[in-house]
Amino acid sequence: MIIKLLPLVPHDTKINFFGHRFYALFASFIIIFGSTFCLATKGLNFGIDFTGGTIIEIATPADPNLPELRETLSGLELGEVSIQEFGSNRALMIRLPQQEGSDEAQKNAIDKVRAALDAEFTSAGAIDYRRTEYVGPQVGRELKIAGLIAVLVAIFGIQGYIWLRFDWRYGIGAFLALVHDVVGILGLFSLTQMPFDLSTMSAILLVAGYSVNETIIIFDRVRETLRKYRKMAMEEVLNFSINSTLSRTIMTSGSTLLAILALYLFGGMVIKSFVSALFIGILIGTHSSYFVSSLSLYYLKLRRGPEGAPDEERQPA
């Protein structure tokens, strides 16, 4: 028995993506300049990976009184101590700034905090110390530099591949899309002040790869359509190429977003920043593949292939 599946997108779909380019470019304008403004004014809330310091994750035996607990830990004279709920009322994450001195000073600071916490919850029971992590300032600076180098190498490496594989105009389009995606994600983290750590950096690299994969597929269809329908206007080429890949985009992006949603709901607070970066990155990456990299080919006046390329007079159905 043969079961015929209904296509996600009808074969004759003709959405006028090019006709909506001004709305899309306005959205990109908001993303780029809004993100740049947030980064310039608020900056990023760098996590312990980049700034150095100590993270203590605990589960308290009773509901904590956060204002009182903050006052108690602030009285230890360890600098600005941050306390935030971590998934539930009784799960807390405590961040201590880098202490002056050797590793012994960091250990003494951790001991002071643990003693104060134990005294605070003596009558309720024992505290579950789930995680204690310390990162030195030198390591944090090295990770910042290494992360920046990794992102730049990825962007320029991808651009170089597309430049050689297609044409320099395609390379510029891919570069603009990648910058658009990276700046958009950084702007989101600056606006929300979510912790920016190594997992977020890895999410940016994943989004760059995901976005350029979508971009290359559209570029390949554009090049094929230019050779096949030599009398078709460039705006029609772009519309036809994007519409013909629309079904694939819905399947891949949809299934990926479902997996990310599951991670967001059941993965816990530890990977919240990573998942948020992936979710927003896929949405922004799809937008940039459709309206940034593709439209750049039109404004850069992409030329058709050589005269000897296959020619066909008929228009696509």
C-alpha atoms as a PDB file:
ATOM      1  CA  MET A   1       0.000   0.000   0.000  1.00  0.00           C
ATOM      2  CA  ILE A   2       1.454   3.350  -1.038  1.00  0.00           C
ATOM      3  CA  ILE A   3       0.744   6.326   1.197  1.00  0.00           C
ATOM      4  CA  LYS A   4       1.018   9.671  -0.500  1.00  0.00           C
ATOM      5  CA  LEU A   5       2.187  12.395   1.853  1.00  0.00           C
ATOM      6  CA  LEU A   6       0.981  15.939   1.434  1.00  0.00           C
ATOM      7  CA  PRO A   7       3.869  18.362   0.791  1.00  0.00           C
ATOM      8  CA  LEU A   8       4.602  20.933   3.466  1.00  0.00           C
ATOM      9  CA  VAL A   9       4.754  23.612   0.789  1.00  0.00           C
ATOM     10  CA  PRO A  10       2.827  23.327  -2.506  1.00  0.00           C
ATOM     11  CA  HIS A  11       5.024  22.899  -5.561  1.00  0.00           C
ATOM     12  CA  ASP A  12       3.626  26.028  -7.222  1.00  0.00           C
ATOM     13  CA  THR A  13       4.189  28.333  -4.213  1.00  0.00           C
ATOM     14  CA  LYS A  14       5.077  31.829  -5.387  1.00  0.00           C
ATOM     15  CA  ILE A  15       5.618  34.017  -2.333  1.00  0.00           C
ATOM     16  CA  ASN A  16       6.947  37.417  -3.347  1.00  0.00           C
ATOM     17  CA  PHE A  17       9.929  37.583  -0.992  1.00  0.00           C
ATOM     18  CA  PHE A  18      11.607  40.223  -3.120  1.00  0.00           C
ATOM     19  CA  GLY A  19       8.518  42.426  -2.947  1.00  0.00           C
ATOM     20  CA  HIS A  20       8.741  42.455   0.862  1.00  0.00           C
ATOM     21  CA  ARG A  21      12.438  43.307   0.899  1.00  0.00           C
ATOM     22  CA  PHE A  22      11.979  46.780   2.389  1.00  0.00           C
ATOM     23  CA  TYR A  23      10.136  45.405   5.439  1.00  0.00           C
ATOM     24  CA  ALA A  24      12.820  42.747   5.851  1.00  0.00           C
ATOM     25  CA  LEU A  25      15.657  45.244   5.468  1.00  0.00           C
ATOM     26  CA  PHE A  26      13.986  47.512   8.016  1.00  0.00           C
ATOM     27  CA  ALA A  27      13.853  44.570  10.449  1.00  0.00           C
ATOM     28  CA  SER A  28      17.549  43.917   9.804  1.00  0.00           C
ATOM     29  CA  PHE A  29      18.256  47.609  10.363  1.00  0.00           C
ATOM     30  CA  ILE A  30      16.526  47.411  13.752  1.00  0.00           C
ATOM     31  CA  ILE A  31      18.469  44.254  14.654  1.00  0.00           C
ATOM     32  CA  ILE A  32      21.869  45.668  13.712  1.00  0.00           C
ATOM     33  CA  PHE A  33      21.558  49.180  15.111  1.00  0.00           C
ATOM     34  CA  GLY A  34      19.535  48.105  18.150  1.00  0.00           C
ATOM     35  CA  SER A  35      22.135  45.469  18.981  1.00  0.00           C
ATOM     36  CA  THR A  36      25.002  47.892  18.414  1.00  0.00           C
ATOM     37  CA  PHE A  37      23.361  50.459  20.693  1.00  0.00           C
ATOM     38  CA  CYS A  38      22.831  47.882  23.464  1.00  0.00           C
ATOM     39  CA  LEU A  39      26.403  46.624  23.180  1.00  0.00           C
ATOM     40  CA  ALA A  40      27.765  50.180  23.315  1.00  0.00           C
ATOM     41  CA  THR A  41      25.658  51.249  26.302  1.00  0.00           C
ATOM     42  CA  LYS A  42      25.087  48.100  28.358  1.00  0.00           C
ATOM     43  CA  GLY A  43      27.753  45.698  27.161  1.00  0.00           C
ATOM     44  CA  LEU A  44      27.666  41.967  27.811  1.00  0.00           C
ATOM     45  CA  ASN A  45      27.119  40.294  31.153  1.00  0.00           C
ATOM     46  CA  PHE A  46      30.198  38.089  30.947  1.00  0.00           C
ATOM     47  CA  GLY A  47      29.976  34.869  32.892  1.00  0.00           C
ATOM     48  CA  ILE A  48      32.553  33.489  35.251  1.00  0.00           C
ATOM     49  CA  ASP A  49      34.338  31.855  32.298  1.00  0.00           C
ATOM     50  CA  PHE A  50      35.480  35.261  31.061  1.00  0.00           C
ATOM     51  CA  THR A  51      35.636  37.470  34.157  1.00  0.00           C
ATOM     52  CA  GLY A  52      37.129  35.094  36.694  1.00  0.00           C
ATOM     53  CA  GLY A  53      35.664  34.375  40.105  1.00  0.00           C
ATOM     54  CA  THR A  54      33.688  31.632  41.808  1.00  0.00           C
ATOM     55  CA  ILE A  55      30.265  30.082  41.244  1.00  0.00           C
ATOM     56  CA  ILE A  56      28.562  28.143  44.032  1.00  0.00           C
ATOM     57  CA  GLU A  57      25.354  26.300  43.181  1.00  0.00           C
ATOM     58  CA  ILE A  58      23.277  25.117  46.148  1.00  0.00           C
ATOM     59  CA  ALA A  59      19.898  23.628  47.038  1.00  0.00           C
ATOM     60  CA  THR A  60      18.518  24.943  50.335  1.00  0.00           C
ATOM     61  CA  PRO A  61      16.416  22.796  52.714  1.00  0.00           C
ATOM     62  CA  ALA A  62      13.817  25.598  53.032  1.00  0.00           C
ATOM     63  CA  ASP A  63      12.641  28.592  51.023  1.00  0.00           C
ATOM     64  CA  PRO A  64      15.371  31.237  51.395  1.00  0.00           C
ATOM     65  CA  ASN A  65      14.846  34.847  52.360  1.00  0.00           C
ATOM     66  CA  LEU A  66      16.841  36.365  49.505  1.00  0.00           C
ATOM     67  CA  PRO A  67      17.095  39.968  50.816  1.00  0.00           C
ATOM     68  CA  GLU A  68      18.316  38.712  54.184  1.00  0.00           C
ATOM     69  CA  LEU A  69      20.687  36.245  52.547  1.00  0.00           C
ATOM     70  CA  ARG A  70      22.135  38.955  50.303  1.00  0.00           C
ATOM     71  CA  GLU A  71      22.686  41.192  53.322  1.00  0.00           C
ATOM     72  CA  THR A  72      24.436  38.360  55.185  1.00  0.00           C
ATOM     73  CA  LEU A  73      26.823  37.563  52.323  1.00  0.00           C
ATOM     74  CA  SER A  74      27.491  41.244  51.598  1.00  0.00           C
ATOM     75  CA  GLY A  75      28.652  41.598  55.198  1.00  0.00           C
ATOM     76  CA  LEU A  76      31.485  39.144  54.525  1.00  0.00           C
ATOM     77  CA  GLU A  77      33.360  41.895  52.627  1.00  0.00           C
ATOM     78  CA  LEU A  78      34.071  39.715  49.608  1.00  0.00           C
ATOM     79  CA  GLY A  79      32.987  42.289  47.044  1.00  0.00           C
ATOM     80  CA  GLU A  80      29.702  42.365  45.139  1.00  0.00           C
ATOM     81  CA  VAL A  81      28.111  38.954  45.725  1.00  0.00           C
ATOM     82  CA  SER A  82      25.352  37.973  43.299  1.00  0.00           C
ATOM     83  CA  ILE A  83      22.542  35.585  44.268  1.00  0.00           C
ATOM     84  CA  GLN A  84      19.881  34.376  41.857  1.00  0.00           C
ATOM     85  CA  GLU A  85      17.288  31.653  41.765  1.00  0.00           C
ATOM     86  CA  PHE A  86      18.275  28.777  39.557  1.00  0.00           C
ATOM     87  CA  GLY A  87      15.168  27.010  38.297  1.00  0.00           C
ATOM     88  CA  SER A  88      13.241  26.832  41.586  1.00  0.00           C
ATOM     89  CA  ASN A  89      12.877  28.812  44.818  1.00  0.00           C
ATOM     90  CA  ARG A  90      15.304  26.600  46.689  1.00  0.00           C
ATOM     91  CA  ALA A  91      17.955  26.317  43.977  1.00  0.00           C
ATOM     92  CA  LEU A  92      20.378  29.239  44.126  1.00  0.00           C
ATOM     93  CA  MET A  93      23.453  30.308  42.204  1.00  0.00           C
ATOM     94  CA  ILE A  94      25.947  32.466  44.106  1.00  0.00           C
ATOM     95  CA  ARG A  95      28.658  34.337  42.208  1.00  0.00           C
ATOM     96  CA  LEU A  96      31.703  35.711  43.993  1.00  0.00           C
ATOM     97  CA  PRO A  97      34.058  38.190  42.324  1.00  0.00           C
ATOM     98  CA  GLN A  98      37.736  37.497  41.927  1.00  0.00           C
ATOM     99  CA  GLN A  99      39.505  37.924  45.275  1.00  0.00           C
ATOM    100  CA  GLU A 100      42.821  39.691  45.605  1.00  0.00           C
ATOM    101  CA  GLY A 101      45.676  37.365  46.435  1.00  0.00           C
ATOM    102  CA  SER A 102      46.549  33.769  45.659  1.00  0.00           C
ATOM    103  CA  ASP A 103      44.346  30.710  45.291  1.00  0.00           C
ATOM    104  CA  GLU A 104      44.318  30.517  49.075  1.00  0.00           C
ATOM    105  CA  ALA A 105      42.327  33.774  49.161  1.00  0.00           C
ATOM    106  CA  GLN A 106      39.703  32.236  46.851  1.00  0.00           C
ATOM    107  CA  LYS A 107      39.468  29.150  49.047  1.00  0.00           C
ATOM    108  CA  ASN A 108      39.046  31.278  52.173  1.00  0.00           C
ATOM    109  CA  ALA A 109      36.254  33.233  50.477  1.00  0.00           C
ATOM    110  CA  ILE A 110      34.432  30.002  49.592  1.00  0.00           C
ATOM    111  CA  ASP A 111      34.820  28.760  53.178  1.00  0.00           C
ATOM    112  CA  LYS A 112      33.373  32.028  54.533  1.00  0.00           C
ATOM    113  CA  VAL A 113      30.356  31.783  52.258  1.00  0.00           C
ATOM    114  CA  ARG A 114      29.708  28.149  53.145  1.00  0.00           C
ATOM    115  CA  ALA A 115      29.955  28.890  56.862  1.00  0.00           C
ATOM    116  CA  ALA A 116      27.500  31.794  56.529  1.00  0.00           C
ATOM    117  CA  LEU A 117      25.067  29.676  54.521  1.00  0.00           C
ATOM    118  CA  ASP A 118      25.244  26.776  56.980  1.00  0.00           C
ATOM    119  CA  ALA A 119      24.545  29.159  59.858  1.00  0.00           C
ATOM    120  CA  GLU A 120      21.592  30.682  57.959  1.00  0.00           C
ATOM    121  CA  PHE A 121      19.860  27.315  57.479  1.00  0.00           C
ATOM    122  CA  THR A 122      20.963  25.505  60.660  1.00  0.00           C
ATOM    123  CA  SER A 123      17.438  24.931  61.891  1.00  0.00           C
ATOM    124  CA  ALA A 124      16.077  23.809  58.495  1.00  0.00           C
ATOM    125  CA  GLY A 125      18.644  21.142  57.661  1.00  0.00           C
ATOM    126  CA  ALA A 126      21.782  20.636  55.599  1.00  0.00           C
ATOM    127  CA  ILE A 127      22.487  22.545  52.384  1.00  0.00           C
ATOM    128  CA  ASP A 128      23.210  20.552  49.243  1.00  0.00           C
ATOM    129  CA  TYR A 129      26.314  22.038  47.617  1.00  0.00           C
ATOM    130  CA  ARG A 130      25.863  20.915  44.017  1.00  0.00           C
ATOM    131  CA  ARG A 131      28.691  22.728  42.280  1.00  0.00           C
ATOM    132  CA  THR A 132      31.637  24.978  43.092  1.00  0.00           C
ATOM    133  CA  GLU A 133      33.713  26.371  40.219  1.00  0.00           C
ATOM    134  CA  TYR A 134      36.609  28.791  40.246  1.00  0.00           C
ATOM    135  CA  VAL A 135      38.149  30.495  37.200  1.00  0.00           C
ATOM    136  CA  GLY A 136      41.224  32.701  37.511  1.00  0.00           C
ATOM    137  CA  PRO A 137      41.411  36.136  35.850  1.00  0.00           C
ATOM    138  CA  GLN A 138      44.238  35.101  33.521  1.00  0.00           C
ATOM    139  CA  VAL A 139      42.234  32.138  32.264  1.00  0.00           C
ATOM    140  CA  GLY A 140      39.232  34.417  31.730  1.00  0.00           C
ATOM    141  CA  ARG A 141      41.244  36.845  29.592  1.00  0.00           C
ATOM    142  CA  GLU A 142      42.707  34.000  27.546  1.00  0.00           C
ATOM    143  CA  LEU A 143      39.235  32.548  26.948  1.00  0.00           C
ATOM    144  CA  LYS A 144      37.958  35.934  25.758  1.00  0.00           C
ATOM    145  CA  ILE A 145      40.760  36.215  23.219  1.00  0.00           C
ATOM    146  CA  ALA A 146      40.431  32.580  22.116  1.00  0.00           C
ATOM    147  CA  GLY A 147      36.653  32.925  21.725  1.00  0.00           C
ATOM    148  CA  LEU A 148      36.992  36.086  19.632  1.00  0.00           C
ATOM    149  CA  ILE A 149      39.611  34.444  17.418  1.00  0.00           C
ATOM    150  CA  ALA A 150      37.388  31.380  16.968  1.00  0.00           C
ATOM    151  CA  VAL A 151      34.422  33.491  15.805  1.00  0.00           C
ATOM    152  CA  LEU A 152      36.554  35.577  13.415  1.00  0.00           C
ATOM    153  CA  VAL A 153      38.281  32.524  11.932  1.00  0.00           C
ATOM    154  CA  ALA A 154      34.898  30.843  11.409  1.00  0.00           C
ATOM    155  CA  ILE A 155      33.393  33.905   9.688  1.00  0.00           C
ATOM    156  CA  PHE A 156      36.324  34.585   7.370  1.00  0.00           C
ATOM    157  CA  GLY A 157      36.889  30.895   6.676  1.00  0.00           C
ATOM    158  CA  ILE A 158      33.280  30.473   5.602  1.00  0.00           C
ATOM    159  CA  GLN A 159      33.448  33.637   3.521  1.00  0.00           C
ATOM    160  CA  GLY A 160      36.615  32.456   1.795  1.00  0.00           C
ATOM    161  CA  TYR A 161      35.088  29.090   0.941  1.00  0.00           C
ATOM    162  CA  ILE A 162      31.995  30.679  -0.600  1.00  0.00           C
ATOM    163  CA  TRP A 163      34.143  33.233  -2.456  1.00  0.00           C
ATOM    164  CA  LEU A 164      36.134  30.437  -4.102  1.00  0.00           C
ATOM    165  CA  ARG A 165      33.223  28.065  -4.567  1.00  0.00           C
ATOM    166  CA  PHE A 166      30.807  30.580  -6.122  1.00  0.00           C
ATOM    167  CA  ASP A 167      31.765  34.207  -6.810  1.00  0.00           C
ATOM    168  CA  TRP A 168      33.021  37.173  -4.810  1.00  0.00           C
ATOM    169  CA  ARG A 169      29.486  38.625  -4.704  1.00  0.00           C
ATOM    170  CA  TYR A 170      28.242  35.460  -3.027  1.00  0.00           C
ATOM    171  CA  GLY A 171      31.121  35.757  -0.551  1.00  0.00           C
ATOM    172  CA  ILE A 172      30.115  39.294   0.382  1.00  0.00           C
ATOM    173  CA  GLY A 173      26.477  38.201   0.792  1.00  0.00           C
ATOM    174  CA  ALA A 174      27.457  35.347   3.114  1.00  0.00           C
ATOM    175  CA  PHE A 175      29.736  37.663   5.103  1.00  0.00           C
ATOM    176  CA  LEU A 176      26.951  40.220   5.601  1.00  0.00           C
ATOM    177  CA  ALA A 177      24.570  37.467   6.753  1.00  0.00           C
ATOM    178  CA  LEU A 178      27.090  36.071   9.251  1.00  0.00           C
ATOM    179  CA  VAL A 179      27.829  39.503  10.723  1.00  0.00           C
ATOM    180  CA  HIS A 180      24.076  40.129  10.902  1.00  0.00           C
ATOM    181  CA  ASP A 181      23.534  36.884  12.844  1.00  0.00           C
ATOM    182  CA  VAL A 182      26.441  37.310  15.265  1.00  0.00           C
ATOM    183  CA  VAL A 183      25.604  40.941  16.062  1.00  0.00           C
ATOM    184  CA  GLY A 184      21.927  40.016  16.521  1.00  0.00           C
ATOM    185  CA  ILE A 185      22.726  37.308  19.079  1.00  0.00           C
ATOM    186  CA  LEU A 186      25.168  39.548  20.950  1.00  0.00           C
ATOM    187  CA  GLY A 187      22.529  42.295  21.014  1.00  0.00           C
ATOM    188  CA  LEU A 188      19.974  39.913  22.523  1.00  0.00           C
ATOM    189  CA  PHE A 189      22.371  38.980  25.332  1.00  0.00           C
ATOM    190  CA  SER A 190      23.229  42.621  25.909  1.00  0.00           C
ATOM    191  CA  LEU A 191      19.560  43.615  26.055  1.00  0.00           C
ATOM    192  CA  THR A 192      18.493  40.810  28.413  1.00  0.00           C
ATOM    193  CA  GLN A 193      21.804  40.709  30.351  1.00  0.00           C
ATOM    194  CA  MET A 194      21.778  36.929  30.297  1.00  0.00           C
ATOM    195  CA  PRO A 195      25.180  35.502  31.271  1.00  0.00           C
ATOM    196  CA  PHE A 196      27.507  35.279  28.285  1.00  0.00           C
ATOM    197  CA  ASP A 197      29.821  32.309  28.741  1.00  0.00           C
ATOM    198  CA  LEU A 198      31.645  29.633  26.760  1.00  0.00           C
ATOM    199  CA  SER A 199      28.443  27.726  25.980  1.00  0.00           C
ATOM    200  CA  THR A 200      26.995  30.886  24.424  1.00  0.00           C
ATOM    201  CA  MET A 201      30.144  31.304  22.351  1.00  0.00           C
ATOM    202  CA  SER A 202      29.784  27.747  21.065  1.00  0.00           C
ATOM    203  CA  ALA A 203      26.137  28.487  20.213  1.00  0.00           C
ATOM    204  CA  ILE A 204      27.243  31.452  18.072  1.00  0.00           C
ATOM    205  CA  LEU A 205      29.586  29.187  16.106  1.00  0.00           C
ATOM    206  CA  LEU A 206      26.797  26.631  15.653  1.00  0.00           C
ATOM    207  CA  VAL A 207      24.418  29.319  14.410  1.00  0.00           C
ATOM    208  CA  ALA A 208      27.063  30.578  11.956  1.00  0.00           C
ATOM    209  CA  GLY A 209      27.360  27.078  10.488  1.00  0.00           C
ATOM    210  CA  TYR A 210      23.594  26.593  10.408  1.00  0.00           C
ATOM    211  CA  SER A 211      22.982  29.939   8.735  1.00  0.00           C
ATOM    212  CA  VAL A 212      25.672  29.508   6.085  1.00  0.00           C
ATOM    213  CA  ASN A 213      24.333  26.057   5.239  1.00  0.00           C
ATOM    214  CA  GLU A 214      20.947  27.606   4.461  1.00  0.00           C
ATOM    215  CA  THR A 215      22.644  30.399   2.543  1.00  0.00           C
ATOM    216  CA  ILE A 216      24.700  28.030   0.371  1.00  0.00           C
ATOM    217  CA  ILE A 217      21.599  26.027  -0.576  1.00  0.00           C
ATOM    218  CA  ILE A 218      19.842  29.191  -1.737  1.00  0.00           C
ATOM    219  CA  PHE A 219      22.983  30.400  -3.542  1.00  0.00           C
ATOM    220  CA  ASP A 220      23.265  27.082  -5.357  1.00  0.00           C
ATOM    221  CA  ARG A 221      19.647  27.330  -6.481  1.00  0.00           C
ATOM    222  CA  VAL A 222      20.182  30.933  -7.603  1.00  0.00           C
ATOM    223  CA  ARG A 223      23.185  29.942  -9.705  1.00  0.00           C
ATOM    224  CA  GLU A 224      21.307  27.009 -11.219  1.00  0.00           C
ATOM    225  CA  THR A 225      18.279  29.173 -12.023  1.00  0.00           C
ATOM    226  CA  LEU A 226      20.422  31.900 -13.603  1.00  0.00           C
ATOM    227  CA  ARG A 227      21.933  29.359 -15.985  1.00  0.00           C
ATOM    228  CA  LYS A 228      18.657  27.651 -16.788  1.00  0.00           C
ATOM    229  CA  TYR A 229      16.353  30.667 -17.260  1.00  0.00           C
ATOM    230  CA  ARG A 230      18.578  33.275 -18.862  1.00  0.00           C
ATOM    231  CA  LYS A 231      15.773  35.720 -19.645  1.00  0.00           C
ATOM    232  CA  MET A 232      14.275  35.696 -16.149  1.00  0.00           C
ATOM    233  CA  ALA A 233      14.630  38.966 -14.209  1.00  0.00           C
ATOM    234  CA  MET A 234      16.900  38.859 -11.155  1.00  0.00           C
ATOM    235  CA  GLU A 235      14.062  39.533  -8.711  1.00  0.00           C
ATOM    236  CA  GLU A 236      12.155  36.584 -10.180  1.00  0.00           C
ATOM    237  CA  VAL A 237      15.263  34.413  -9.899  1.00  0.00           C
ATOM    238  CA  LEU A 238      15.523  35.217  -6.200  1.00  0.00           C
ATOM    239  CA  ASN A 239      11.828  34.562  -5.566  1.00  0.00           C
ATOM    240  CA  PHE A 240      11.925  31.267  -7.460  1.00  0.00           C
ATOM    241  CA  SER A 241      15.107  30.113  -5.717  1.00  0.00           C
ATOM    242  CA  ILE A 242      13.839  30.884  -2.216  1.00  0.00           C
ATOM    243  CA  ASN A 243      10.396  29.384  -2.852  1.00  0.00           C
ATOM    244  CA  SER A 244      11.952  26.183  -4.179  1.00  0.00           C
ATOM    245  CA  THR A 245      13.917  25.731  -0.922  1.00  0.00           C
ATOM    246  CA  LEU A 246      11.064  26.769   1.378  1.00  0.00           C
ATOM    247  CA  SER A 247       9.942  23.211   2.110  1.00  0.00           C
ATOM    248  CA  ARG A 248      13.440  22.212   3.175  1.00  0.00           C
ATOM    249  CA  THR A 249      13.732  25.252   5.439  1.00  0.00           C
ATOM    250  CA  ILE A 250      10.470  24.442   7.202  1.00  0.00           C
ATOM    251  CA  MET A 251      11.494  20.825   7.780  1.00  0.00           C
ATOM    252  CA  THR A 252      15.028  21.503   9.012  1.00  0.00           C
ATOM    253  CA  SER A 253      14.335  24.653  11.021  1.00  0.00           C
ATOM    254  CA  GLY A 254      11.092  23.250  12.407  1.00  0.00           C
ATOM    255  CA  SER A 255      12.645  20.005  13.623  1.00  0.00           C
ATOM    256  CA  THR A 256      15.646  21.864  15.058  1.00  0.00           C
ATOM    257  CA  LEU A 257      13.424  24.311  16.928  1.00  0.00           C
ATOM    258  CA  LEU A 258      11.425  21.416  18.385  1.00  0.00           C
ATOM    259  CA  ALA A 259      14.630  19.880  19.739  1.00  0.00           C
ATOM    260  CA  ILE A 260      15.695  23.247  21.149  1.00  0.00           C
ATOM    261  CA  LEU A 261      12.268  23.684  22.773  1.00  0.00           C
ATOM    262  CA  ALA A 262      12.687  20.331  24.511  1.00  0.00           C
ATOM    263  CA  LEU A 263      16.116  21.420  25.777  1.00  0.00           C
ATOM    264  CA  TYR A 264      14.655  24.705  27.032  1.00  0.00           C
ATOM    265  CA  LEU A 265      11.801  22.987  28.895  1.00  0.00           C
ATOM    266  CA  PHE A 266      13.706  20.038  30.354  1.00  0.00           C
ATOM    267  CA  GLY A 267      17.400  20.950  30.158  1.00  0.00           C
ATOM    268  CA  GLY A 268      17.461  23.119  33.266  1.00  0.00           C
ATOM    269  CA  MET A 269      18.935  26.560  33.890  1.00  0.00           C
ATOM    270  CA  VAL A 270      22.508  25.440  33.257  1.00  0.00           C
ATOM    271  CA  ILE A 271      22.026  25.459  29.470  1.00  0.00           C
ATOM    272  CA  LYS A 272      19.451  28.257  29.271  1.00  0.00           C
ATOM    273  CA  SER A 273      21.904  30.740  27.719  1.00  0.00           C
ATOM    274  CA  PHE A 274      23.081  28.162  25.197  1.00  0.00           C
ATOM    275  CA  VAL A 275      19.534  27.224  24.168  1.00  0.00           C
ATOM    276  CA  SER A 276      18.386  30.857  23.982  1.00  0.00           C
ATOM    277  CA  ALA A 277      21.285  31.717  21.684  1.00  0.00           C
ATOM    278  CA  LEU A 278      20.470  28.763  19.426  1.00  0.00           C
ATOM    279  CA  PHE A 279      16.752  29.566  19.270  1.00  0.00           C
ATOM    280  CA  ILE A 280      17.184  33.241  18.406  1.00  0.00           C
ATOM    281  CA  GLY A 281      20.129  32.448  16.154  1.00  0.00           C
ATOM    282  CA  ILE A 282      18.136  30.042  13.982  1.00  0.00           C
ATOM    283  CA  LEU A 283      15.335  32.581  13.558  1.00  0.00           C
ATOM    284  CA  ILE A 284      17.750  35.403  12.721  1.00  0.00           C
ATOM    285  CA  GLY A 285      19.836  33.067  10.540  1.00  0.00           C
ATOM    286  CA  THR A 286      16.843  32.045   8.450  1.00  0.00           C
ATOM    287  CA  HIS A 287      15.886  35.703   8.048  1.00  0.00           C
ATOM    288  CA  SER A 288      19.403  36.644   6.947  1.00  0.00           C
ATOM    289  CA  SER A 289      19.601  33.760   4.449  1.00  0.00           C
ATOM    290  CA  TYR A 290      16.358  34.870   2.820  1.00  0.00           C
ATOM    291  CA  PHE A 291      16.687  38.640   2.957  1.00  0.00           C
ATOM    292  CA  VAL A 292      20.315  39.643   3.610  1.00  0.00           C
ATOM    293  CA  SER A 293      22.598  37.313   1.678  1.00  0.00           C
ATOM    294  CA  SER A 294      20.085  36.755  -1.143  1.00  0.00           C
ATOM    295  CA  LEU A 295      19.147  40.411  -1.583  1.00  0.00           C
ATOM    296  CA  SER A 296      22.809  41.391  -1.594  1.00  0.00           C
ATOM    297  CA  LEU A 297      23.147  39.520  -4.901  1.00  0.00           C
ATOM    298  CA  TYR A 298      20.565  41.853  -6.426  1.00  0.00           C
ATOM    299  CA  TYR A 299      22.182  45.041  -5.144  1.00  0.00           C
ATOM    300  CA  LEU A 300      25.666  43.815  -6.078  1.00  0.00           C
ATOM    301  CA  LYS A 301      24.330  43.227  -9.620  1.00  0.00           C
ATOM    302  CA  LEU A 302      25.268  39.567  -9.869  1.00  0.00           C
ATOM    303  CA  ARG A 303      26.119  38.640 -13.452  1.00  0.00           C
ATOM    304  CA  ARG A 304      24.871  35.587 -15.239  1.00  0.00           C
ATOM    305  CA  GLY A 305      27.091  32.747 -16.295  1.00  0.00           C
ATOM    306  CA  PRO A 306      29.024  32.591 -19.554  1.00  0.00           C
ATOM    307  CA  GLU A 307      27.196  32.567 -22.850  1.00  0.00           C
ATOM    308  CA  GLY A 308      27.917  28.887 -23.284  1.00  0.00           C
ATOM    309  CA  ALA A 309      25.903  27.951 -20.203  1.00  0.00           C
ATOM    310  CA  PRO A 310      22.647  25.978 -20.680  1.00  0.00           C
ATOM    311  CA  ASP A 311      19.819  28.142 -21.924  1.00  0.00           C
ATOM    312  CA  GLU A 312      16.081  27.578 -21.746  1.00  0.00           C
ATOM    313  CA  GLU A 313      13.412  29.965 -22.942  1.00  0.00           C
ATOM    314  CA  ARG A 314      10.467  28.681 -20.930  1.00  0.00           C
ATOM    315  CA  GLN A 315       9.659  30.038 -17.503  1.00  0.00           C
ATOM    316  CA  PRO A 316       9.294  27.726 -14.464  1.00  0.00           C
ATOM    317  CA  ALA A 317       5.800  26.416 -13.855  1.00  0.00           C
END
